[in-house]
């Protein structure tokens, strides 16, 4: 992980070193969807587990979803505080809508007329 240095606003020369991982954690705790999540999706064939890695830049959401041995790129992602919506690149259009409440993620995955709910936790 790359480190960077924040300079305190005081004129006393104080500095604080923060790693990228700590920065993600701080941003996540500040009401952002940024972070890594482990989730479970309820399907007709039973529960399927996966991971989501979200990054935001303003209201633009990007990242990856890993599920069933596939790494899917998030596209057309938007976030408004703790709510989000995006699509993932796959053979069929897959739309994901959800929210983050603290370290809990939940929402719906829609593939055409089929909808599945998911929920999970932010990983430390």
N, C-alpha and C. Protein backbone atom coordinates (compact mmCIF):
# COMPACT_ATOMS: atom_id res chain seq x y z
N UNK A 1 0.82 -1.18 0.00
CA UNK A 1 0.00 0.00 0.00
C UNK A 1 0.87 1.25 0.00
N UNK A 2 0.48 2.20 -0.78
CA UNK A 2 1.21 3.45 -0.86
C UNK A 2 0.81 4.35 0.29
N UNK A 3 1.77 4.99 0.91
CA UNK A 3 1.50 5.94 1.98
C UNK A 3 1.50 7.35 1.42
N UNK A 4 0.79 8.22 2.08
CA UNK A 4 0.84 9.63 1.75
C UNK A 4 0.80 10.41 3.05
N UNK A 5 1.13 11.66 3.01
CA UNK A 5 1.25 12.45 4.21
C UNK A 5 0.28 13.63 4.17
N UNK A 6 -0.49 13.79 5.23
CA UNK A 6 -1.36 14.94 5.39
C UNK A 6 -0.67 15.93 6.32
N UNK A 7 -0.69 17.19 6.00
CA UNK A 7 -0.07 18.19 6.85
C UNK A 7 -1.16 18.87 7.66
N UNK A 8 -0.98 18.89 8.96
CA UNK A 8 -1.97 19.52 9.84
C UNK A 8 -2.09 21.00 9.52
N UNK A 9 -3.28 21.58 9.68
CA UNK A 9 -3.47 22.98 9.32
C UNK A 9 -2.75 23.96 10.25
N UNK A 10 -2.25 23.49 11.38
CA UNK A 10 -1.54 24.37 12.30
C UNK A 10 -0.15 24.66 11.77
N UNK A 11 0.43 25.72 12.23
CA UNK A 11 1.74 26.13 11.77
C UNK A 11 2.85 25.53 12.63
N UNK A 12 2.55 24.43 13.33
CA UNK A 12 3.55 23.84 14.22
C UNK A 12 4.34 22.71 13.54
N UNK A 13 4.08 22.47 12.26
CA UNK A 13 4.83 21.45 11.54
C UNK A 13 4.34 20.04 11.79
N UNK A 14 3.22 19.85 12.47
CA UNK A 14 2.69 18.51 12.74
C UNK A 14 2.28 17.83 11.45
N UNK A 15 2.56 16.54 11.36
CA UNK A 15 2.12 15.75 10.22
C UNK A 15 1.50 14.45 10.70
N UNK A 16 0.70 13.86 9.83
CA UNK A 16 0.04 12.60 10.13
C UNK A 16 0.19 11.71 8.91
N UNK A 17 0.76 10.53 9.08
CA UNK A 17 0.91 9.59 7.97
C UNK A 17 -0.28 8.64 7.97
N UNK A 18 -0.86 8.47 6.79
CA UNK A 18 -2.04 7.62 6.64
C UNK A 18 -1.85 6.72 5.42
N UNK A 19 -2.07 5.41 5.57
CA UNK A 19 -1.97 4.49 4.44
C UNK A 19 -3.24 4.58 3.59
N UNK A 20 -3.18 4.09 2.36
CA UNK A 20 -4.35 4.08 1.48
C UNK A 20 -5.48 3.28 2.12
N UNK A 21 -5.17 2.16 2.77
CA UNK A 21 -6.20 1.34 3.42
C UNK A 21 -6.88 2.13 4.53
N UNK A 22 -6.11 2.86 5.33
CA UNK A 22 -6.69 3.69 6.39
C UNK A 22 -7.54 4.79 5.80
N UNK A 23 -7.09 5.35 4.67
CA UNK A 23 -7.86 6.40 4.01
C UNK A 23 -9.21 5.87 3.56
N UNK A 24 -9.23 4.66 2.97
CA UNK A 24 -10.49 4.04 2.57
C UNK A 24 -11.41 3.86 3.76
N UNK A 25 -10.84 3.39 4.87
CA UNK A 25 -11.63 3.15 6.07
C UNK A 25 -12.21 4.46 6.61
N UNK A 26 -11.41 5.52 6.64
CA UNK A 26 -11.88 6.82 7.11
C UNK A 26 -12.99 7.33 6.21
N UNK A 27 -12.81 7.23 4.90
CA UNK A 27 -13.82 7.69 3.95
C UNK A 27 -15.10 6.87 4.10
N UNK A 28 -14.96 5.56 4.30
CA UNK A 28 -16.12 4.69 4.47
C UNK A 28 -16.91 5.08 5.71
N UNK A 29 -16.22 5.36 6.78
CA UNK A 29 -16.89 5.73 8.02
C UNK A 29 -17.55 7.10 7.91
N UNK A 30 -17.15 7.90 6.93
CA UNK A 30 -17.70 9.24 6.76
C UNK A 30 -18.97 9.24 5.90
N UNK A 31 -19.60 8.09 5.70
CA UNK A 31 -20.86 8.03 4.96
C UNK A 31 -20.69 7.81 3.48
N UNK A 32 -19.67 7.10 3.08
CA UNK A 32 -19.40 6.81 1.68
C UNK A 32 -19.58 5.31 1.45
N UNK A 33 -19.78 4.93 0.19
CA UNK A 33 -19.90 3.50 -0.13
C UNK A 33 -18.54 2.86 -0.38
N UNK A 34 -17.46 3.66 -0.40
CA UNK A 34 -16.12 3.14 -0.66
C UNK A 34 -15.79 1.97 0.25
N UNK A 35 -15.12 0.96 -0.30
CA UNK A 35 -14.65 -0.14 0.52
C UNK A 35 -14.84 -1.49 -0.14
N UNK A 36 -14.43 -2.51 0.58
CA UNK A 36 -14.57 -3.90 0.15
C UNK A 36 -15.66 -4.55 0.98
N UNK A 37 -16.55 -5.27 0.32
CA UNK A 37 -17.68 -5.91 0.99
C UNK A 37 -17.73 -7.39 0.64
N UNK A 38 -18.11 -8.19 1.59
CA UNK A 38 -18.42 -9.59 1.34
C UNK A 38 -19.94 -9.68 1.42
N UNK A 39 -20.56 -10.29 0.39
CA UNK A 39 -22.02 -10.31 0.36
C UNK A 39 -22.55 -11.69 0.01
N UNK A 40 -23.83 -11.86 0.27
CA UNK A 40 -24.55 -13.07 -0.07
C UNK A 40 -25.77 -12.67 -0.88
N UNK A 41 -25.98 -13.36 -1.99
CA UNK A 41 -27.11 -13.09 -2.88
C UNK A 41 -28.04 -14.29 -2.83
N UNK A 42 -29.31 -14.03 -2.60
CA UNK A 42 -30.29 -15.10 -2.51
C UNK A 42 -30.85 -15.41 -3.89
N UNK A 43 -30.60 -16.63 -4.38
CA UNK A 43 -31.08 -17.05 -5.70
C UNK A 43 -32.03 -18.24 -5.54
N UNK A 44 -32.68 -18.62 -6.63
CA UNK A 44 -33.57 -19.79 -6.61
C UNK A 44 -32.80 -21.07 -6.31
N UNK A 45 -31.49 -21.06 -6.62
CA UNK A 45 -30.66 -22.24 -6.40
C UNK A 45 -29.93 -22.20 -5.07
N UNK A 46 -30.27 -21.23 -4.22
CA UNK A 46 -29.61 -21.10 -2.93
C UNK A 46 -28.78 -19.83 -2.86
N UNK A 47 -28.10 -19.65 -1.74
CA UNK A 47 -27.28 -18.46 -1.54
C UNK A 47 -25.97 -18.57 -2.31
N UNK A 48 -25.55 -17.47 -2.90
CA UNK A 48 -24.27 -17.36 -3.59
C UNK A 48 -23.49 -16.22 -2.95
N UNK A 49 -22.22 -16.47 -2.64
CA UNK A 49 -21.40 -15.44 -2.00
C UNK A 49 -20.47 -14.79 -3.00
N UNK A 50 -20.10 -13.54 -2.70
CA UNK A 50 -19.19 -12.81 -3.56
C UNK A 50 -18.58 -11.64 -2.82
N UNK A 51 -17.81 -10.86 -3.55
CA UNK A 51 -17.21 -9.65 -2.98
C UNK A 51 -17.43 -8.47 -3.92
N UNK A 52 -17.48 -7.29 -3.34
CA UNK A 52 -17.60 -6.04 -4.09
C UNK A 52 -16.49 -5.12 -3.61
N UNK A 53 -15.84 -4.46 -4.56
CA UNK A 53 -14.84 -3.43 -4.24
C UNK A 53 -15.33 -2.14 -4.88
N UNK A 54 -15.77 -1.18 -4.06
CA UNK A 54 -16.26 0.10 -4.55
C UNK A 54 -15.23 1.19 -4.35
N UNK A 55 -15.10 2.06 -5.35
CA UNK A 55 -14.34 3.29 -5.23
C UNK A 55 -15.21 4.40 -5.80
N UNK A 56 -15.17 5.57 -5.15
CA UNK A 56 -15.93 6.70 -5.64
C UNK A 56 -15.00 7.86 -5.96
N UNK A 57 -15.45 8.66 -6.90
CA UNK A 57 -14.80 9.92 -7.23
C UNK A 57 -15.95 10.91 -7.40
N UNK A 58 -16.25 11.64 -6.33
CA UNK A 58 -17.45 12.46 -6.34
C UNK A 58 -18.66 11.55 -6.32
N UNK A 59 -19.53 11.70 -7.32
CA UNK A 59 -20.73 10.86 -7.41
C UNK A 59 -20.55 9.70 -8.39
N UNK A 60 -19.34 9.52 -8.92
CA UNK A 60 -19.06 8.43 -9.87
C UNK A 60 -18.57 7.21 -9.09
N UNK A 61 -19.22 6.08 -9.33
CA UNK A 61 -18.90 4.82 -8.66
C UNK A 61 -18.23 3.86 -9.63
N UNK A 62 -17.12 3.25 -9.22
CA UNK A 62 -16.45 2.25 -10.03
C UNK A 62 -16.01 1.11 -9.13
N UNK A 63 -15.44 0.07 -9.73
CA UNK A 63 -14.95 -1.06 -8.95
C UNK A 63 -15.21 -2.38 -9.63
N UNK A 64 -15.21 -3.44 -8.84
CA UNK A 64 -15.42 -4.79 -9.37
C UNK A 64 -16.33 -5.59 -8.44
N UNK A 65 -17.01 -6.55 -9.05
CA UNK A 65 -17.81 -7.53 -8.32
C UNK A 65 -17.24 -8.89 -8.67
N UNK A 66 -16.94 -9.70 -7.67
CA UNK A 66 -16.47 -11.07 -7.91
C UNK A 66 -17.52 -12.02 -7.38
N UNK A 67 -18.03 -12.85 -8.28
CA UNK A 67 -19.08 -13.80 -7.92
C UNK A 67 -19.01 -15.00 -8.86
N UNK A 68 -19.19 -16.18 -8.33
CA UNK A 68 -19.20 -17.41 -9.10
C UNK A 68 -17.97 -17.54 -10.01
N UNK A 69 -16.81 -17.16 -9.50
CA UNK A 69 -15.57 -17.28 -10.26
C UNK A 69 -15.36 -16.23 -11.33
N UNK A 70 -16.24 -15.25 -11.40
CA UNK A 70 -16.12 -14.19 -12.40
C UNK A 70 -15.77 -12.87 -11.73
N UNK A 71 -14.91 -12.08 -12.37
CA UNK A 71 -14.61 -10.72 -11.94
C UNK A 71 -15.32 -9.79 -12.92
N UNK A 72 -16.32 -9.07 -12.44
CA UNK A 72 -17.14 -8.22 -13.30
C UNK A 72 -16.84 -6.75 -13.00
N UNK A 73 -16.66 -5.97 -14.04
CA UNK A 73 -16.35 -4.55 -13.90
C UNK A 73 -17.63 -3.74 -13.73
N UNK A 74 -17.63 -2.86 -12.75
CA UNK A 74 -18.77 -1.97 -12.53
C UNK A 74 -18.71 -0.85 -13.56
N UNK A 75 -19.85 -0.57 -14.18
CA UNK A 75 -19.92 0.54 -15.13
C UNK A 75 -21.20 1.34 -14.88
N UNK A 76 -21.23 2.53 -15.41
CA UNK A 76 -22.38 3.43 -15.23
C UNK A 76 -22.75 3.59 -13.76
N UNK A 77 -21.74 3.59 -12.89
CA UNK A 77 -22.00 3.67 -11.46
C UNK A 77 -22.22 5.10 -10.98
N UNK A 78 -23.22 5.24 -10.10
CA UNK A 78 -23.54 6.54 -9.50
C UNK A 78 -23.77 6.33 -8.01
N UNK A 79 -23.38 7.31 -7.22
CA UNK A 79 -23.64 7.24 -5.80
C UNK A 79 -24.11 8.59 -5.30
N UNK A 80 -24.95 8.55 -4.31
CA UNK A 80 -25.44 9.76 -3.66
C UNK A 80 -25.34 9.51 -2.17
N UNK A 81 -24.20 9.81 -1.59
CA UNK A 81 -23.99 9.52 -0.17
C UNK A 81 -23.84 8.04 0.04
N UNK A 82 -24.85 7.42 0.66
CA UNK A 82 -24.76 6.00 0.96
C UNK A 82 -25.64 5.14 0.03
N UNK A 83 -26.31 5.75 -0.93
CA UNK A 83 -27.10 5.01 -1.92
C UNK A 83 -26.29 4.88 -3.20
N UNK A 84 -26.51 3.78 -3.93
CA UNK A 84 -25.77 3.59 -5.17
C UNK A 84 -26.59 2.82 -6.19
N UNK A 85 -26.18 2.97 -7.46
CA UNK A 85 -26.72 2.14 -8.53
C UNK A 85 -25.64 2.00 -9.58
N UNK A 86 -25.61 0.85 -10.22
CA UNK A 86 -24.60 0.59 -11.24
C UNK A 86 -25.03 -0.59 -12.09
N UNK A 87 -24.26 -0.84 -13.11
CA UNK A 87 -24.42 -2.03 -13.95
C UNK A 87 -23.10 -2.78 -13.90
N UNK A 88 -23.15 -4.06 -14.24
CA UNK A 88 -21.92 -4.82 -14.38
C UNK A 88 -21.89 -5.40 -15.78
N UNK A 89 -20.68 -5.52 -16.32
CA UNK A 89 -20.51 -6.06 -17.67
C UNK A 89 -20.64 -7.57 -17.62
N UNK A 90 -21.65 -8.07 -18.32
CA UNK A 90 -21.88 -9.50 -18.43
C UNK A 90 -22.65 -9.73 -19.72
N UNK A 91 -22.98 -10.96 -20.06
CA UNK A 91 -23.70 -11.24 -21.30
C UNK A 91 -25.05 -10.53 -21.33
N UNK A 92 -25.75 -10.52 -20.22
CA UNK A 92 -27.04 -9.84 -20.12
C UNK A 92 -26.88 -8.60 -19.25
N UNK A 93 -27.78 -7.65 -19.44
CA UNK A 93 -27.74 -6.43 -18.63
C UNK A 93 -28.05 -6.77 -17.17
N UNK A 94 -27.16 -6.38 -16.29
CA UNK A 94 -27.34 -6.62 -14.86
C UNK A 94 -27.28 -5.28 -14.16
N UNK A 95 -28.36 -4.91 -13.47
CA UNK A 95 -28.43 -3.63 -12.76
C UNK A 95 -28.42 -3.90 -11.26
N UNK A 96 -27.62 -3.13 -10.54
CA UNK A 96 -27.50 -3.27 -9.10
C UNK A 96 -27.89 -1.95 -8.45
N UNK A 97 -28.81 -2.03 -7.48
CA UNK A 97 -29.25 -0.85 -6.73
C UNK A 97 -29.15 -1.21 -5.25
N UNK A 98 -28.61 -0.30 -4.45
CA UNK A 98 -28.49 -0.62 -3.04
C UNK A 98 -28.12 0.57 -2.19
N UNK A 99 -27.80 0.27 -0.93
CA UNK A 99 -27.40 1.30 0.01
C UNK A 99 -26.41 0.71 1.00
N UNK A 100 -25.68 1.59 1.64
CA UNK A 100 -24.75 1.22 2.69
C UNK A 100 -25.20 1.93 3.96
N UNK A 101 -25.31 1.18 5.04
CA UNK A 101 -25.67 1.73 6.34
C UNK A 101 -24.57 1.32 7.31
N UNK A 102 -23.65 2.25 7.59
CA UNK A 102 -22.50 1.90 8.42
C UNK A 102 -21.61 0.94 7.66
N UNK A 103 -21.47 -0.28 8.16
CA UNK A 103 -20.67 -1.30 7.49
C UNK A 103 -21.53 -2.36 6.81
N UNK A 104 -22.84 -2.14 6.72
CA UNK A 104 -23.77 -3.10 6.12
C UNK A 104 -24.19 -2.63 4.73
N UNK A 105 -24.14 -3.54 3.77
CA UNK A 105 -24.57 -3.24 2.40
C UNK A 105 -25.78 -4.12 2.09
N UNK A 106 -26.75 -3.57 1.34
CA UNK A 106 -27.91 -4.35 0.94
C UNK A 106 -28.48 -3.76 -0.34
N UNK A 107 -29.25 -4.57 -1.05
CA UNK A 107 -29.86 -4.07 -2.27
C UNK A 107 -30.45 -5.16 -3.12
N UNK A 108 -30.63 -4.83 -4.40
CA UNK A 108 -31.27 -5.72 -5.36
C UNK A 108 -30.43 -5.81 -6.63
N UNK A 109 -30.32 -7.02 -7.15
CA UNK A 109 -29.68 -7.26 -8.44
C UNK A 109 -30.79 -7.66 -9.41
N UNK A 110 -30.89 -6.95 -10.53
CA UNK A 110 -31.94 -7.22 -11.51
C UNK A 110 -31.32 -7.64 -12.83
N UNK A 111 -31.75 -8.82 -13.32
CA UNK A 111 -31.36 -9.31 -14.64
C UNK A 111 -32.65 -9.54 -15.41
N UNK A 112 -33.04 -8.56 -16.23
CA UNK A 112 -34.32 -8.65 -16.92
C UNK A 112 -35.43 -8.67 -15.88
N UNK A 113 -36.38 -9.60 -16.00
CA UNK A 113 -37.48 -9.66 -15.04
C UNK A 113 -37.10 -10.31 -13.70
N UNK A 114 -35.93 -10.95 -13.65
CA UNK A 114 -35.52 -11.65 -12.42
C UNK A 114 -34.81 -10.67 -11.47
N UNK A 115 -35.25 -10.67 -10.21
CA UNK A 115 -34.64 -9.81 -9.19
C UNK A 115 -34.22 -10.66 -8.00
N UNK A 116 -33.03 -10.32 -7.47
CA UNK A 116 -32.50 -11.04 -6.30
C UNK A 116 -32.04 -10.02 -5.28
N UNK A 117 -32.26 -10.31 -4.02
CA UNK A 117 -31.76 -9.42 -2.98
C UNK A 117 -30.37 -9.87 -2.54
N UNK A 118 -29.59 -8.92 -2.02
CA UNK A 118 -28.27 -9.25 -1.47
C UNK A 118 -28.04 -8.43 -0.22
N UNK A 119 -27.16 -8.93 0.63
CA UNK A 119 -26.74 -8.17 1.80
C UNK A 119 -25.36 -8.65 2.20
N UNK A 120 -24.66 -7.81 2.95
CA UNK A 120 -23.32 -8.17 3.36
C UNK A 120 -22.70 -7.16 4.28
N UNK A 121 -21.40 -7.34 4.53
CA UNK A 121 -20.66 -6.50 5.47
C UNK A 121 -19.37 -5.98 4.84
N UNK A 122 -19.01 -4.78 5.24
CA UNK A 122 -17.72 -4.20 4.84
C UNK A 122 -16.62 -5.00 5.52
N UNK A 123 -15.56 -5.32 4.76
CA UNK A 123 -14.43 -6.02 5.33
C UNK A 123 -13.43 -5.00 5.86
N UNK A 124 -12.79 -5.35 6.98
CA UNK A 124 -11.83 -4.42 7.59
C UNK A 124 -10.55 -4.36 6.82
